[in-house]
Protein backbone atom coordinates (compact mmCIF):
# COMPACT_ATOMS: atom_id res chain seq x y z
CA MET A 1 0.00 0.00 0.00
CA ASN A 2 2.47 2.61 -1.18
CA GLU A 3 1.12 6.11 -0.88
CA SER A 4 1.28 8.80 -3.50
CA PRO A 5 -1.22 11.22 -2.06
CA SER A 6 -2.68 13.93 -4.16
CA THR A 7 -1.49 17.32 -2.95
CA SER A 8 -4.41 19.01 -4.66
CA VAL A 9 -6.98 17.75 -2.16
CA LYS A 10 -8.32 20.69 -0.17
CA ARG A 11 -8.94 19.55 3.37
CA GLY A 12 -11.78 20.84 5.47
CA MET A 13 -11.65 21.47 9.22
CA TRP A 14 -14.24 21.34 11.98
CA SER A 15 -15.43 24.89 12.64
CA SER A 16 -15.38 24.46 16.43
CA ARG A 17 -14.84 22.09 19.33
CA LEU A 18 -18.61 21.59 19.53
CA ALA A 19 -18.74 20.52 15.87
CA PHE A 20 -16.11 17.84 16.48
CA ILE A 21 -17.86 16.68 19.68
CA LEU A 22 -21.21 16.36 17.88
CA ALA A 23 -19.63 14.49 14.97
CA ALA A 24 -17.60 12.13 17.15
CA THR A 25 -20.57 11.55 19.45
CA GLY A 26 -22.73 10.91 16.40
CA SER A 27 -20.25 8.27 15.30
CA ALA A 28 -20.14 6.68 18.75
CA VAL A 29 -23.90 6.87 19.33
CA GLY A 30 -25.46 4.25 17.12
CA LEU A 31 -27.24 0.94 17.15
CA GLY A 32 -24.76 -0.20 19.79
CA ASN A 33 -26.19 2.25 22.32
CA ILE A 34 -29.89 1.92 21.62
CA TRP A 35 -30.12 -1.64 20.30
CA LYS A 36 -27.22 -3.60 21.81
CA PHE A 37 -26.49 -1.97 25.19
CA PRO A 38 -29.97 -2.52 26.68
CA TYR A 39 -30.17 -6.20 25.75
CA ILE A 40 -26.63 -7.11 26.85
CA THR A 41 -27.30 -5.26 30.12
CA GLY A 42 -30.45 -7.36 30.50
CA GLU A 43 -28.57 -10.56 29.70
CA ASN A 44 -25.84 -9.80 32.25
CA GLY A 45 -27.87 -8.83 35.28
CA GLY A 46 -28.15 -5.03 35.19
CA GLY A 47 -26.37 -2.73 37.65
CA ALA A 48 -23.13 -4.64 38.25
CA PHE A 49 -22.64 -5.00 34.50
CA VAL A 50 -23.29 -1.24 34.02
CA LEU A 51 -20.70 -0.37 36.68
CA VAL A 52 -18.05 -2.55 35.05
CA TYR A 53 -18.96 -1.07 31.66
CA LEU A 54 -18.44 2.48 32.98
CA LEU A 55 -15.06 1.51 34.42
CA CYS A 56 -14.04 -0.03 31.09
CA ILE A 57 -15.04 3.15 29.24
CA ALA A 58 -12.82 5.19 31.56
CA ALA A 59 -9.83 2.83 31.71
CA VAL A 60 -9.73 1.52 28.12
CA GLY A 61 -12.13 3.46 25.89
CA VAL A 62 -11.05 7.03 26.66
CA PRO A 63 -7.26 6.40 26.48
CA ILE A 64 -7.53 4.61 23.12
CA MET A 65 -9.92 7.23 21.74
CA MET A 66 -7.42 9.95 22.67
CA ALA A 67 -4.68 7.99 20.90
CA GLU A 68 -6.74 7.61 17.70
CA VAL A 69 -7.69 11.30 17.57
CA LEU A 70 -4.07 12.24 18.31
CA ILE A 71 -2.78 10.08 15.44
CA GLY A 72 -5.29 11.64 13.04
CA ARG A 73 -4.50 15.21 14.00
CA ARG A 74 -0.73 14.64 14.08
CA GLY A 75 -0.79 13.17 10.56
CA GLY A 76 -3.38 15.57 9.18
CA HIS A 77 -4.36 13.22 6.36
CA SER A 78 -6.30 9.98 5.79
CA PRO A 79 -5.62 7.34 8.48
CA VAL A 80 -3.21 5.37 6.28
CA ARG A 81 -1.28 8.46 5.17
CA SER A 82 -1.25 9.91 8.70
CA ILE A 83 0.45 6.85 10.14
CA GLN A 84 2.92 6.77 7.27
CA LEU A 85 3.89 10.39 7.94
CA ILE A 86 4.22 9.78 11.68
CA THR A 87 6.49 6.78 11.15
CA GLU A 88 8.68 8.90 8.86
CA ARG A 89 8.93 11.71 11.42
CA ASP A 90 9.53 9.42 14.40
CA GLY A 91 11.81 6.98 12.60
CA ALA A 92 9.50 3.97 12.96
CA ASN A 93 8.80 1.03 10.66
CA PRO A 94 6.55 2.18 7.78
CA ALA A 95 4.72 -1.17 7.90
CA TRP A 96 2.67 0.35 10.73
CA ARG A 97 0.47 1.95 8.04
CA TRP A 98 -1.31 -1.42 7.89
CA LEU A 99 -2.76 -0.51 11.27
CA ALA A 100 -4.92 2.10 9.57
CA ALA A 101 -5.67 -0.24 6.67
CA VAL A 102 -7.17 -2.73 9.17
CA GLY A 103 -9.35 0.06 10.57
CA VAL A 104 -10.53 1.26 7.17
CA LEU A 105 -11.39 -2.31 6.15
CA ALA A 106 -13.31 -2.83 9.41
CA ALA A 107 -15.33 0.37 8.89
CA PHE A 108 -16.15 -0.63 5.30
CA LEU A 109 -17.30 -4.14 6.21
CA ILE A 110 -19.29 -2.97 9.24
CA LEU A 111 -21.13 -0.37 7.17
CA SER A 112 -22.04 -3.01 4.56
CA PHE A 113 -24.24 -4.91 7.05
CA TYR A 114 -24.92 -1.98 9.42
CA SER A 115 -26.77 -0.38 6.52
CA VAL A 116 -28.99 -3.46 6.32
CA ILE A 117 -29.90 -3.12 10.02
CA GLY A 118 -30.44 0.61 9.52
CA GLY A 119 -32.88 -0.40 6.79
CA TRP A 120 -34.79 -2.53 9.31
CA ALA A 121 -35.21 0.54 11.51
CA MET A 122 -36.42 2.62 8.55
CA SER A 123 -38.95 -0.07 7.66
CA TYR A 124 -40.25 -0.15 11.23
CA VAL A 125 -40.87 3.62 11.20
CA GLY A 126 -43.56 3.02 8.60
CA THR A 127 -44.80 -0.13 10.35
CA ALA A 128 -45.29 1.72 13.64
CA ALA A 129 -46.68 4.92 12.06
CA THR A 130 -49.40 3.06 10.17
CA GLY A 131 -50.59 1.24 13.29
CA GLN A 132 -49.54 -2.23 12.15
CA LEU A 133 -48.18 -3.03 15.62
CA ALA A 134 -51.42 -2.20 17.43
CA GLY A 135 -53.06 -5.11 19.23
CA GLN A 136 -50.73 -7.72 17.76
CA THR A 137 -49.78 -10.89 19.60
CA ALA A 138 -46.18 -11.97 20.13
CA ASP A 139 -46.48 -14.43 17.25
CA GLU A 140 -47.91 -11.76 14.96
CA ILE A 141 -45.13 -9.29 15.89
CA GLY A 142 -42.60 -12.05 15.23
CA ALA A 143 -44.22 -12.69 11.86
CA ILE A 144 -43.77 -9.01 10.89
CA PHE A 145 -40.02 -9.23 11.56
CA THR A 146 -39.71 -12.63 9.90
CA GLY A 147 -41.61 -11.31 6.89
CA LEU A 148 -39.22 -8.37 6.61
CA LEU A 149 -36.12 -10.58 6.75
CA GLY A 150 -37.68 -12.99 4.26
CA SER A 151 -38.18 -10.33 1.57
CA PRO A 152 -34.95 -9.62 -0.38
CA ALA A 153 -36.66 -6.87 -2.40
CA THR A 154 -37.87 -4.99 0.69
CA LEU A 155 -34.50 -5.29 2.42
CA LEU A 156 -32.70 -4.13 -0.73
CA LEU A 157 -34.98 -1.10 -0.99
CA TRP A 158 -34.30 0.07 2.57
CA HIS A 159 -30.59 -0.81 2.36
CA THR A 160 -30.37 1.36 -0.77
CA VAL A 161 -32.25 4.26 0.83
CA PHE A 162 -30.05 4.14 3.92
CA MET A 163 -26.79 4.06 1.94
CA ALA A 164 -28.05 6.89 -0.28
CA LEU A 165 -28.68 9.05 2.80
CA VAL A 166 -25.19 8.31 4.12
CA MET A 167 -23.57 9.12 0.77
CA LEU A 168 -25.60 12.32 0.42
CA VAL A 169 -24.07 13.71 3.62
CA VAL A 170 -20.50 12.45 3.11
CA ALA A 171 -20.35 13.79 -0.47
CA LYS A 172 -20.80 17.36 0.80
CA GLY A 173 -17.57 17.26 2.79
CA VAL A 174 -16.67 18.16 6.36
CA ARG A 175 -18.17 21.62 6.87
CA PHE A 176 -21.27 21.39 4.67
CA GLY A 177 -21.91 17.66 4.96
CA LEU A 178 -20.77 15.96 8.16
CA GLU A 179 -20.88 19.03 10.39
CA ARG A 180 -24.21 20.35 9.13
CA ALA A 181 -25.84 16.91 9.38
CA VAL A 182 -24.75 16.19 12.96
CA SER A 183 -25.68 19.70 14.10
CA ILE A 184 -29.27 18.78 13.20
CA LEU A 185 -29.37 15.03 13.81
CA MET A 186 -27.67 14.90 17.21
CA PRO A 187 -29.91 17.47 18.96
CA ALA A 188 -32.92 15.79 17.33
CA LEU A 189 -31.72 12.40 18.57
CA PHE A 190 -31.39 13.69 22.14
CA VAL A 191 -34.86 15.28 22.03
CA LEU A 192 -36.44 12.08 20.70
CA LEU A 193 -34.68 10.00 23.33
CA LEU A 194 -35.83 12.32 26.12
CA LEU A 195 -39.41 12.14 24.82
CA VAL A 196 -39.36 8.35 25.01
CA VAL A 197 -37.76 8.52 28.50
CA GLY A 198 -40.51 10.96 29.48
CA TYR A 199 -43.12 8.44 28.40
CA ALA A 200 -41.28 5.65 30.22
CA MET A 201 -41.55 7.68 33.44
CA THR A 202 -45.36 7.45 33.22
CA THR A 203 -45.47 3.64 33.07
CA GLY A 204 -45.20 3.15 36.83
CA PHE A 205 -42.09 0.99 36.40
CA PHE A 206 -39.46 3.72 36.04
CA GLY A 207 -38.18 3.16 39.59
CA GLN A 208 -37.74 -0.54 38.89
CA ALA A 209 -35.75 0.31 35.75
CA VAL A 210 -33.52 2.73 37.69
CA ALA A 211 -32.87 0.04 40.31
CA PHE A 212 -32.15 -2.55 37.63
CA LEU A 213 -29.61 -0.27 35.93
CA PHE A 214 -27.91 1.37 38.90
CA GLN A 215 -28.11 -1.01 41.89
CA PRO A 216 -25.23 -3.47 41.45
CA ASP A 217 -25.86 -7.11 42.27
CA PHE A 218 -22.46 -8.70 41.83
CA SER A 219 -23.88 -12.18 42.30
CA LYS A 220 -25.31 -11.82 38.79
CA LEU A 221 -21.99 -10.77 37.24
CA THR A 222 -19.92 -13.46 35.54
CA THR A 223 -16.46 -13.45 34.02
CA SER A 224 -18.14 -13.56 30.63
CA GLY A 225 -20.18 -10.48 31.59
CA VAL A 226 -17.02 -8.55 32.49
CA LEU A 227 -15.47 -9.35 29.11
CA VAL A 228 -18.71 -8.45 27.29
CA ALA A 229 -18.67 -5.08 29.11
CA LEU A 230 -15.06 -4.49 28.09
CA GLY A 231 -15.73 -5.48 24.49
CA HIS A 232 -18.81 -3.26 24.23
CA ALA A 233 -17.04 -0.29 25.85
CA PHE A 234 -14.50 -0.60 23.07
CA PHE A 235 -17.04 -1.07 20.28
CA THR A 236 -19.45 1.69 21.30
CA LEU A 237 -16.84 4.46 21.00
CA SER A 238 -16.12 3.59 17.34
CA LEU A 239 -12.58 2.48 18.19
CA GLY A 240 -10.42 0.26 16.00
CA MET A 241 -12.14 1.31 12.77
CA ALA A 242 -10.08 4.40 11.82
CA VAL A 243 -13.10 6.67 12.28
CA MET A 244 -11.60 8.73 15.10
CA MET A 245 -8.34 9.04 13.13
CA ALA A 246 -10.29 10.39 10.16
CA TYR A 247 -12.28 12.81 12.31
CA GLY A 248 -9.14 13.77 14.24
CA SER A 249 -7.41 14.77 11.00
CA TYR A 250 -9.93 17.62 10.68
CA LEU A 251 -9.40 18.84 14.27
CA PRO A 252 -7.72 22.25 14.69
CA LYS A 253 -4.54 22.34 16.79
CA ASN A 254 -5.99 24.67 19.42
CA ILE A 255 -8.64 22.17 20.57
CA SER A 256 -7.85 19.86 23.51
CA ILE A 257 -7.88 16.20 22.51
CA ALA A 258 -8.22 15.06 26.12
CA LYS A 259 -11.22 17.27 26.95
CA THR A 260 -13.06 16.51 23.71
CA SER A 261 -12.45 12.75 23.98
CA LEU A 262 -13.71 12.75 27.56
CA THR A 263 -16.79 14.78 26.56
CA VAL A 264 -17.59 12.43 23.67
CA SER A 265 -17.25 9.40 25.96
CA VAL A 266 -19.53 10.94 28.59
CA MET A 267 -22.17 11.87 25.99
CA ASP A 268 -22.03 8.44 24.37
CA THR A 269 -22.38 6.70 27.73
CA GLY A 270 -25.20 9.07 28.68
CA VAL A 271 -27.16 8.07 25.57
CA ALA A 272 -26.68 4.37 26.36
CA LEU A 273 -27.97 4.85 29.92
CA LEU A 274 -30.89 6.99 28.70
CA ALA A 275 -31.73 4.24 26.22
CA GLY A 276 -31.87 1.82 29.12
CA LEU A 277 -34.15 4.20 31.05
CA ALA A 278 -36.37 4.50 27.96
CA ILE A 279 -36.60 0.78 27.23
CA PHE A 280 -36.63 -1.09 30.55
CA PRO A 281 -39.70 0.65 32.08
CA ILE A 282 -41.66 -0.34 28.96
CA VAL A 283 -40.27 -3.88 29.18
CA PHE A 284 -41.16 -4.24 32.88
CA ALA A 285 -44.59 -2.60 32.46
CA ASN A 286 -45.53 -5.21 29.90
CA GLY A 287 -44.14 -8.19 31.80
CA LEU A 288 -41.44 -8.79 29.19
CA GLU A 289 -37.97 -10.25 29.65
CA PRO A 290 -35.11 -7.67 29.93
CA GLY A 291 -32.59 -10.25 28.69
CA ALA A 292 -34.55 -10.91 25.50
CA GLY A 293 -31.39 -10.69 23.40
CA PRO A 294 -31.01 -9.09 19.96
CA GLY A 295 -34.75 -9.34 19.33
CA LEU A 296 -35.46 -6.84 22.13
CA ILE A 297 -35.76 -3.87 19.75
CA PHE A 298 -37.43 -5.46 16.73
CA GLN A 299 -39.67 -8.04 18.41
CA THR A 300 -40.05 -7.48 22.16
CA LEU A 301 -40.48 -3.68 22.19
CA PRO A 302 -42.87 -3.60 19.19
CA LEU A 303 -45.11 -5.96 21.17
CA ALA A 304 -45.14 -3.41 24.00
CA PHE A 305 -45.77 -0.48 21.65
CA GLY A 306 -48.70 -2.40 20.18
CA GLN A 307 -50.37 -2.79 23.59
CA MET A 308 -49.82 0.60 25.26
CA PRO A 309 -51.68 3.93 24.95
CA LEU A 310 -50.24 6.16 22.18
CA GLY A 311 -48.14 3.15 21.19
CA SER A 312 -48.11 4.03 17.50
CA LEU A 313 -46.84 7.55 18.25
CA PHE A 314 -44.09 6.51 20.64
CA GLY A 315 -43.20 3.47 18.56
CA THR A 316 -42.73 5.75 15.56
CA LEU A 317 -40.62 8.20 17.61
CA PHE A 318 -38.48 5.34 18.89
CA PHE A 319 -37.71 3.96 15.43
CA VAL A 320 -37.01 7.45 14.04
CA LEU A 321 -34.54 7.78 16.91
CA LEU A 322 -32.97 4.47 15.91
CA VAL A 323 -32.67 5.63 12.27
CA PHE A 324 -30.96 8.88 13.32
CA ALA A 325 -28.50 6.97 15.51
CA ALA A 326 -27.69 4.55 12.69
CA TRP A 327 -27.38 7.38 10.15
CA THR A 328 -24.81 9.39 12.13
CA SER A 329 -22.74 6.24 12.64
CA GLY A 330 -23.05 5.26 8.99
CA ILE A 331 -21.69 8.65 7.95
CA SER A 332 -18.60 8.16 10.10
CA LEU A 333 -18.00 4.60 8.85
CA LEU A 334 -17.83 5.73 5.22
CA GLU A 335 -15.55 8.71 5.90
CA PRO A 336 -12.17 6.89 6.36
CA LEU A 337 -12.37 5.17 2.97
CA VAL A 338 -13.61 8.33 1.22
CA GLU A 339 -10.75 10.32 2.74
CA TRP A 340 -8.23 7.71 1.56
CA LEU A 341 -9.65 7.63 -1.99
CA GLU A 342 -9.43 11.42 -2.19
CA GLU A 343 -5.74 11.33 -1.32
CA ARG A 344 -4.60 8.05 -2.87
CA LYS A 345 -6.53 8.22 -6.13
CA GLY A 346 -6.83 11.98 -6.46
CA MET A 347 -10.64 11.75 -6.77
CA ASN A 348 -12.86 14.66 -5.92
CA ARG A 349 -15.19 14.35 -2.95
CA LEU A 350 -18.23 13.29 -4.98
CA MET A 351 -16.44 10.56 -6.94
CA SER A 352 -14.69 9.13 -3.89
CA THR A 353 -18.02 9.00 -2.03
CA LEU A 354 -19.80 7.32 -4.93
CA THR A 355 -17.00 4.78 -5.35
CA ALA A 356 -16.83 3.86 -1.67
CA GLY A 357 -20.59 4.00 -1.14
CA ILE A 358 -21.55 1.86 -4.13
CA ALA A 359 -18.88 -0.74 -3.26
CA CYS A 360 -20.20 -0.90 0.31
CA TRP A 361 -23.80 -1.15 -0.93
CA ALA A 362 -22.83 -4.04 -3.23
CA VAL A 363 -21.18 -6.00 -0.42
CA GLY A 364 -24.30 -5.41 1.68
CA ILE A 365 -26.39 -7.32 -0.84
CA ALA A 366 -24.63 -10.53 0.26
CA SER A 367 -25.78 -9.86 3.83
CA ILE A 368 -29.34 -9.33 2.62
CA LEU A 369 -29.39 -12.61 0.69
CA SER A 370 -27.90 -14.48 3.65
CA LEU A 371 -31.04 -13.61 5.63
CA ASN A 372 -33.32 -15.40 3.15
CA LEU A 373 -32.29 -16.98 -0.16
CA TRP A 374 -28.79 -17.88 1.09
CA SER A 375 -29.81 -18.61 4.69
CA ASP A 376 -28.47 -22.17 4.44
CA PHE A 377 -25.15 -21.09 2.94
CA ALA A 378 -22.33 -21.17 5.51
CA PRO A 379 -19.14 -20.33 3.55
CA LEU A 380 -16.79 -21.40 6.35
CA GLY A 381 -18.98 -24.14 7.77
CA MET A 382 -16.18 -26.72 7.45
CA PHE A 383 -14.48 -24.98 10.41
CA GLY A 384 -16.15 -25.83 13.71
CA MET A 385 -16.27 -22.31 15.14
CA PHE A 386 -18.01 -21.02 11.99
CA GLU A 387 -20.52 -23.84 11.65
CA GLY A 388 -23.93 -22.49 10.66
CA LYS A 389 -22.70 -18.88 10.30
CA THR A 390 -24.13 -17.08 7.28
CA ILE A 391 -22.36 -14.26 5.43
CA PHE A 392 -24.14 -11.75 7.68
CA ASP A 393 -23.00 -13.65 10.79
CA LEU A 394 -19.43 -13.94 9.51
CA LEU A 395 -19.13 -10.23 8.76
CA ASP A 396 -20.41 -9.41 12.23
CA PHE A 397 -18.08 -11.92 13.88
CA PHE A 398 -15.01 -11.03 11.82
CA THR A 399 -15.31 -7.28 12.41
CA ALA A 400 -16.43 -7.26 16.06
CA ASN A 401 -14.21 -10.09 17.30
CA ILE A 402 -11.10 -9.82 15.13
CA LEU A 403 -10.65 -6.54 13.25
CA LEU A 404 -11.82 -4.09 15.94
CA PRO A 405 -9.87 -5.57 18.87
CA LEU A 406 -6.85 -6.05 16.61
CA GLY A 407 -7.09 -2.44 15.43
CA GLY A 408 -7.49 -1.13 18.98
CA LEU A 409 -4.58 -3.21 20.24
CA MET A 410 -2.36 -1.90 17.44
CA VAL A 411 -3.41 1.71 18.18
CA ALA A 412 -2.46 1.32 21.85
CA VAL A 413 0.90 -0.24 20.97
CA PHE A 414 1.65 2.27 18.19
CA ALA A 415 0.84 5.37 20.25
CA GLY A 416 2.24 3.99 23.52
CA TRP A 417 5.41 2.30 22.29
CA VAL A 418 6.24 3.49 18.75
CA MET A 419 5.47 7.21 18.72
CA THR A 420 7.93 9.32 20.68
CA ARG A 421 6.90 10.68 24.07
CA GLU A 422 7.75 14.19 22.88
CA THR A 423 5.30 13.88 19.98
CA LEU A 424 2.53 12.73 22.29
CA GLU A 425 3.19 15.53 24.80
CA GLN A 426 3.10 18.14 22.03
CA GLU A 427 -0.28 16.98 20.74
CA LEU A 428 -1.98 16.50 24.09
CA SER A 429 -0.69 19.54 26.02
CA MET A 430 -1.78 17.99 29.34
CA SER A 431 -0.44 18.51 32.84
CA PRO A 432 2.50 16.21 33.66
CA ALA A 433 0.41 14.16 36.11
CA ALA A 434 -2.52 13.73 33.72
CA PHE A 435 -0.21 12.84 30.83
CA SER A 436 1.65 10.29 32.94
CA LEU A 437 -1.64 8.61 33.94
CA TRP A 438 -2.85 8.45 30.33
CA TYR A 439 0.55 7.28 29.04
CA ARG A 440 0.90 4.46 31.55
CA THR A 441 -2.71 3.32 31.04
CA LEU A 442 -2.25 3.29 27.26
CA ARG A 443 1.06 1.44 27.41
CA TYR A 444 0.30 -1.19 29.98
CA PHE A 445 -3.35 -1.63 30.93
CA ALA A 446 -5.23 -0.96 27.68
CA PRO A 447 -3.24 -3.38 25.46
CA VAL A 448 -3.58 -6.21 27.98
CA ALA A 449 -7.32 -5.60 28.41
CA VAL A 450 -7.97 -5.52 24.66
CA ALA A 451 -5.78 -8.59 24.11
CA VAL A 452 -7.80 -10.52 26.71
CA VAL A 453 -11.05 -9.65 24.92
CA PHE A 454 -9.48 -10.55 21.57
CA VAL A 455 -8.39 -14.00 22.78
CA TYR A 456 -11.64 -14.62 24.65
CA ASN A 457 -13.74 -13.82 21.59
CA LEU A 458 -11.75 -16.26 19.48
CA VAL A 459 -11.51 -19.10 22.01
């Protein structure tokens, strides 16, 4: 991957610290917060799991996020080019540029099937708005979801619409695309989430939800739960996929990396906890199971929306919220590859977006078909650990369990052991005590923690 970047590419910059925070939070806040966090919290016993998750965010997520943003800003180019420039300046092995290539590949593959799930959410907006959930039994709600997954044409339609929306924003660049979109979508997302939380407070089960989320019962916490918390803390902040490097490359030098990374982490975690406070009161009020697994959002909650007063309204609001969360994340996942195509191939913004977006859309079609026509096709079924895994399952497993932890581990090692201490101190401009704490955590604790998750996920 030899680089011959185009020097004619005019790079945009975030207009303010707030713009970067909204964009980075938009990347971090996605289906992981509103879809995955509530159900894994339910599966792992509630409060004790949440406490461990918060500790993992602080001890692993924030230090690695700071490192990724630092690498992006220090290099000032696409993730691959940034690392190449840093290795040249600091006298390191240029092969480290493959670190960024792993991240870009992860973002591309994740978006290919993430767009399919975003399409599910878009489909459910219409389903809820037209009252199709009202008065339905659990079997009938399940049939709606099964019917959606069983229709390649419907899934392709929504996958195409979702990718088109992502490309529309990314094609307009940093200031007029990414920044303008998140300045509208993120406040709207927070308002929608607060509206659903407001409704949840009227169910009579809000106190039970608060206790479930914030009263630790360590007897319910397992070793597996601790590792799930660590893995999700890593995933939810968009780490290991070159996104924060790409966004960091647009960050002005006068903005504190430490303060912005901490703010993004707090906002992302806040959304996850609010999602729990929005969902669990509805779950408890309807006698449903909090550990319902991945079907919690698309099967369990729609059953509740179908039975409760104003269910169509709040069901619609909830799925619009889910679409907004997926959209802001989708934008960030496409950006690293678009940025690289601009520099490496000398394409303008529109052409690089179309090239990356259409390629990602095409790969997503395989995920769609694996949910129906190719549901019996397990490409790696001859290997025991992949038995029965469809293309959709393999993409999810390969990115979440291999590429992201590998990318995060390499970021921690690169920033903590390869880049010079002087370079890091220049970029961070922190007090000596704060820098020392971050530096030691990044060098020693974070790599070990990520490596443990990496091995656990594989074994």
